[in-house]
């Protein structure tokens, strides 16, 4: 019986820890989603932002249909993309990414 109680407490501690990680992960997913939507508002015709958001939709949000639509939109825009917009969007995405990494990893 003593062993069962100890095991139960140990499992409870780990479950609480895992739930904490899952909650934190969900908050980061929501923040990333919001950031991509904000970037798309600022740079609606940025191929870089569209492809990056498509990758996010595939790997994080598990929304393959949305990812496909974003890639199709990016592909249509790719040939005539304004390089000034492209450079500005890439720069802003890098700044945001670096800020998030510093925040997450302390």
Protein backbone atom coordinates (compact mmCIF):
# COMPACT_ATOMS: atom_id res chain seq x y z
CA UNK A 1 0.00 0.00 0.00
CA UNK A 2 2.78 2.45 0.84
CA UNK A 3 4.34 1.79 -2.53
CA UNK A 4 1.04 2.44 -4.30
CA UNK A 5 0.63 5.78 -2.53
CA UNK A 6 4.16 6.84 -3.39
CA UNK A 7 3.63 5.84 -6.99
CA UNK A 8 0.33 7.74 -7.05
CA UNK A 9 1.96 10.91 -5.72
CA UNK A 10 4.78 10.60 -8.20
CA UNK A 11 2.37 10.18 -11.10
CA UNK A 12 0.24 13.08 -9.89
CA UNK A 13 3.30 15.34 -9.80
CA UNK A 14 4.31 14.35 -13.31
CA UNK A 15 0.79 14.70 -14.66
CA UNK A 16 0.54 18.23 -13.25
CA UNK A 17 3.89 19.05 -14.84
CA UNK A 18 2.80 17.64 -18.21
CA UNK A 19 -0.48 19.57 -18.09
CA UNK A 20 1.52 22.72 -17.36
CA UNK A 21 3.69 22.11 -20.42
CA UNK A 22 0.63 21.49 -22.58
CA UNK A 23 -1.01 24.71 -21.40
CA UNK A 24 2.18 26.66 -22.09
CA UNK A 25 2.45 25.06 -25.53
CA UNK A 26 -1.13 26.07 -26.35
CA UNK A 27 -0.43 29.66 -25.31
CA UNK A 28 2.58 29.75 -27.63
CA UNK A 29 0.50 28.32 -30.48
CA UNK A 30 -2.16 30.99 -29.99
CA UNK A 31 0.48 33.71 -29.87
CA UNK A 32 2.14 32.42 -33.04
CA UNK A 33 -1.23 32.25 -34.81
CA UNK A 34 -2.00 35.85 -33.79
CA UNK A 35 1.42 36.99 -34.95
CA UNK A 36 0.99 35.37 -38.37
CA UNK A 37 -2.44 36.99 -38.76
CA UNK A 38 -0.92 40.35 -37.82
CA UNK A 39 1.91 39.87 -40.33
CA UNK A 40 -0.61 38.95 -43.04
CA UNK A 41 -2.51 42.16 -42.33
CA UNK A 42 0.69 44.18 -42.73
CA UNK A 43 2.04 42.19 -45.69
CA UNK A 44 -0.91 40.49 -47.41
CA UNK A 45 1.11 39.91 -50.59
CA UNK A 46 4.32 38.68 -48.96
CA UNK A 47 5.33 35.32 -50.36
CA UNK A 48 7.67 34.76 -47.39
CA UNK A 49 4.90 35.34 -44.84
CA UNK A 50 2.43 33.19 -46.78
CA UNK A 51 4.84 30.25 -47.09
CA UNK A 52 5.91 30.55 -43.45
CA UNK A 53 2.31 30.65 -42.23
CA UNK A 54 1.50 27.67 -44.47
CA UNK A 55 4.30 25.71 -42.78
CA UNK A 56 2.88 26.69 -39.38
CA UNK A 57 -0.59 25.54 -40.45
CA UNK A 58 0.82 22.19 -41.59
CA UNK A 59 3.07 21.39 -38.66
CA UNK A 60 1.53 23.15 -35.66
CA UNK A 61 -2.14 23.83 -36.38
CA UNK A 62 -2.60 20.60 -38.37
CA UNK A 63 -4.70 22.52 -40.92
CA UNK A 64 -3.53 21.12 -44.25
CA UNK A 65 -6.39 22.68 -46.19
CA UNK A 66 -5.47 26.19 -45.02
CA UNK A 67 -1.79 25.49 -45.68
CA UNK A 68 -2.55 24.42 -49.24
CA UNK A 69 -4.57 27.59 -49.86
CA UNK A 70 -1.76 29.77 -48.49
CA UNK A 71 0.82 28.01 -50.68
CA UNK A 72 -1.36 28.43 -53.75
CA UNK A 73 -1.77 32.14 -52.99
CA UNK A 74 2.00 32.52 -52.47
CA UNK A 75 2.73 30.67 -55.69
CA UNK A 76 0.48 33.02 -57.66
CA UNK A 77 2.19 36.06 -56.15
CA UNK A 78 5.74 34.72 -56.39
CA UNK A 79 6.61 35.96 -59.86
CA UNK A 80 5.52 39.56 -59.39
CA UNK A 81 6.52 40.10 -55.76
CA UNK A 82 7.83 43.53 -54.83
CA UNK A 83 11.34 42.99 -53.37
CA UNK A 84 10.98 45.94 -50.99
CA UNK A 85 7.91 44.36 -49.39
CA UNK A 86 9.67 40.99 -49.34
CA UNK A 87 12.73 42.39 -47.56
CA UNK A 88 10.63 44.32 -45.01
CA UNK A 89 8.44 41.28 -44.26
CA UNK A 90 11.48 39.01 -43.86
CA UNK A 91 13.17 41.53 -41.54
CA UNK A 92 10.08 41.88 -39.37
CA UNK A 93 9.58 38.10 -39.19
CA UNK A 94 13.19 37.66 -38.07
CA UNK A 95 12.82 40.31 -35.36
CA UNK A 96 9.65 38.68 -34.06
CA UNK A 97 11.24 35.21 -34.12
CA UNK A 98 14.29 36.39 -32.21
CA UNK A 99 12.09 38.07 -29.59
CA UNK A 100 10.02 34.93 -29.12
CA UNK A 101 13.13 32.74 -28.82
CA UNK A 102 14.59 35.03 -26.15
CA UNK A 103 11.29 34.96 -24.26
CA UNK A 104 10.90 31.18 -24.43
CA UNK A 105 14.51 30.27 -23.65
CA UNK A 106 15.13 33.04 -21.13
